[in-house]
Amino acid sequence: MTTKKAKEESEGITAYSVKTKTKNVPMVDPVIDIKSGRYIATGKDKDGNKMAAILGKAKAEEHIKAGNAKKGSGWE
């Protein structure tokens, strides 16, 4: 049985799709920006719908280190 955390680490960043009303949709080519001290991952789903997810600092750095996302604006 896989946990949500293990699933998220292996697949990359996932988010809720407002358009399709589905949970844990994988993001394609996410970019993590820092704005007002928050880490925000933005990207698209496989159909091209825009998505966003707010992450903690540790999780954002983990995804960048693993190569699941790219650094956007706000990083030093």
C-alpha atoms as a PDB file:
ATOM      1  CA  MET A   1       0.000   0.000   0.000  1.00  0.00           C
ATOM      2  CA  THR A   2       1.510   3.319  -1.036  1.00  0.00           C
ATOM      3  CA  THR A   3       0.973   6.431   0.946  1.00  0.00           C
ATOM      4  CA  LYS A   4       0.088   9.791  -0.539  1.00  0.00           C
ATOM      5  CA  LYS A   5       3.531  11.127   0.396  1.00  0.00           C
ATOM      6  CA  ALA A   6       5.369   8.279  -1.358  1.00  0.00           C
ATOM      7  CA  LYS A   7       3.127   8.625  -4.410  1.00  0.00           C
ATOM      8  CA  GLU A   8       3.704  12.382  -4.568  1.00  0.00           C
ATOM      9  CA  GLU A   9       7.493  12.002  -4.382  1.00  0.00           C
ATOM     10  CA  SER A  10       7.637   9.427  -7.158  1.00  0.00           C
ATOM     11  CA  GLU A  11       5.288  11.253  -9.552  1.00  0.00           C
ATOM     12  CA  GLY A  12       6.265  14.838  -8.911  1.00  0.00           C
ATOM     13  CA  ILE A  13       3.966  17.704  -8.018  1.00  0.00           C
ATOM     14  CA  THR A  14       0.240  17.052  -8.027  1.00  0.00           C
ATOM     15  CA  ALA A  15      -2.652  19.474  -7.605  1.00  0.00           C
ATOM     16  CA  TYR A  16      -6.431  19.742  -7.717  1.00  0.00           C
ATOM     17  CA  SER A  17      -7.839  20.515 -11.151  1.00  0.00           C
ATOM     18  CA  VAL A  18     -10.698  22.987 -10.825  1.00  0.00           C
ATOM     19  CA  LYS A  19     -11.774  22.518 -14.426  1.00  0.00           C
ATOM     20  CA  THR A  20     -12.067  18.725 -14.305  1.00  0.00           C
ATOM     21  CA  LYS A  21     -12.786  18.560 -10.530  1.00  0.00           C
ATOM     22  CA  THR A  22     -10.225  15.794  -9.952  1.00  0.00           C
ATOM     23  CA  LYS A  23      -7.639  15.440  -7.186  1.00  0.00           C
ATOM     24  CA  ASN A  24      -3.931  14.570  -7.411  1.00  0.00           C
ATOM     25  CA  VAL A  25      -3.528  15.476 -11.080  1.00  0.00           C
ATOM     26  CA  PRO A  26       0.193  15.443 -12.051  1.00  0.00           C
ATOM     27  CA  MET A  27       1.640  18.760 -13.229  1.00  0.00           C
ATOM     28  CA  VAL A  28       3.557  18.892 -16.495  1.00  0.00           C
ATOM     29  CA  ASP A  29       6.726  21.048 -16.399  1.00  0.00           C
ATOM     30  CA  PRO A  30       6.021  22.817 -13.079  1.00  0.00           C
ATOM     31  CA  VAL A  31       7.833  26.006 -12.103  1.00  0.00           C
ATOM     32  CA  ILE A  32       8.127  26.997  -8.436  1.00  0.00           C
ATOM     33  CA  ASP A  33       8.044  30.724  -7.663  1.00  0.00           C
ATOM     34  CA  ILE A  34       8.490  32.414  -4.301  1.00  0.00           C
ATOM     35  CA  LYS A  35       6.002  35.202  -3.710  1.00  0.00           C
ATOM     36  CA  SER A  36       5.442  36.851  -0.314  1.00  0.00           C
ATOM     37  CA  GLY A  37       7.311  34.008   1.373  1.00  0.00           C
ATOM     38  CA  ARG A  38       5.120  31.285  -0.148  1.00  0.00           C
ATOM     39  CA  TYR A  39       6.275  28.614  -2.559  1.00  0.00           C
ATOM     40  CA  ILE A  40       3.833  28.347  -5.442  1.00  0.00           C
ATOM     41  CA  ALA A  41       4.115  25.677  -8.115  1.00  0.00           C
ATOM     42  CA  THR A  42       2.448  26.531 -11.407  1.00  0.00           C
ATOM     43  CA  GLY A  43       2.087  24.307 -14.429  1.00  0.00           C
ATOM     44  CA  LYS A  44      -0.404  22.564 -16.661  1.00  0.00           C
ATOM     45  CA  ASP A  45      -2.073  19.177 -16.709  1.00  0.00           C
ATOM     46  CA  LYS A  46      -1.790  16.773 -19.657  1.00  0.00           C
ATOM     47  CA  ASP A  47      -4.738  18.516 -21.380  1.00  0.00           C
ATOM     48  CA  GLY A  48      -3.174  21.989 -21.104  1.00  0.00           C
ATOM     49  CA  ASN A  49      -5.332  23.331 -18.254  1.00  0.00           C
ATOM     50  CA  LYS A  50      -3.486  25.702 -15.907  1.00  0.00           C
ATOM     51  CA  MET A  51      -2.893  24.508 -12.346  1.00  0.00           C
ATOM     52  CA  ALA A  52      -1.255  25.825  -9.171  1.00  0.00           C
ATOM     53  CA  ALA A  53      -0.296  24.372  -5.800  1.00  0.00           C
ATOM     54  CA  ILE A  54       1.107  25.955  -2.637  1.00  0.00           C
ATOM     55  CA  LEU A  55       4.036  24.049  -1.151  1.00  0.00           C
ATOM     56  CA  GLY A  56       6.132  24.298   1.989  1.00  0.00           C
ATOM     57  CA  LYS A  57       9.789  25.301   1.732  1.00  0.00           C
ATOM     58  CA  ALA A  58      11.103  21.774   2.382  1.00  0.00           C
ATOM     59  CA  LYS A  59       8.786  20.173  -0.178  1.00  0.00           C
ATOM     60  CA  ALA A  60       9.589  22.835  -2.815  1.00  0.00           C
ATOM     61  CA  GLU A  61      13.341  22.365  -2.380  1.00  0.00           C
ATOM     62  CA  GLU A  62      12.892  18.578  -2.483  1.00  0.00           C
ATOM     63  CA  HIS A  63      11.067  18.728  -5.825  1.00  0.00           C
ATOM     64  CA  ILE A  64      13.719  21.020  -7.315  1.00  0.00           C
ATOM     65  CA  LYS A  65      16.553  18.800  -6.086  1.00  0.00           C
ATOM     66  CA  ALA A  66      14.832  15.704  -7.520  1.00  0.00           C
ATOM     67  CA  GLY A  67      14.391  17.459 -10.885  1.00  0.00           C
ATOM     68  CA  ASN A  68      10.587  17.428 -10.731  1.00  0.00           C
ATOM     69  CA  ALA A  69      10.370  21.235 -11.043  1.00  0.00           C
ATOM     70  CA  LYS A  70      12.366  24.282 -12.095  1.00  0.00           C
ATOM     71  CA  LYS A  71      13.136  27.421 -10.102  1.00  0.00           C
ATOM     72  CA  GLY A  72      11.082  30.436 -11.094  1.00  0.00           C
ATOM     73  CA  SER A  73      11.148  34.000  -9.809  1.00  0.00           C
ATOM     74  CA  GLY A  74      12.015  34.930  -6.228  1.00  0.00           C
ATOM     75  CA  TRP A  75      14.851  32.446  -5.677  1.00  0.00           C
ATOM     76  CA  GLU A  76      18.202  33.887  -4.610  1.00  0.00           C
END
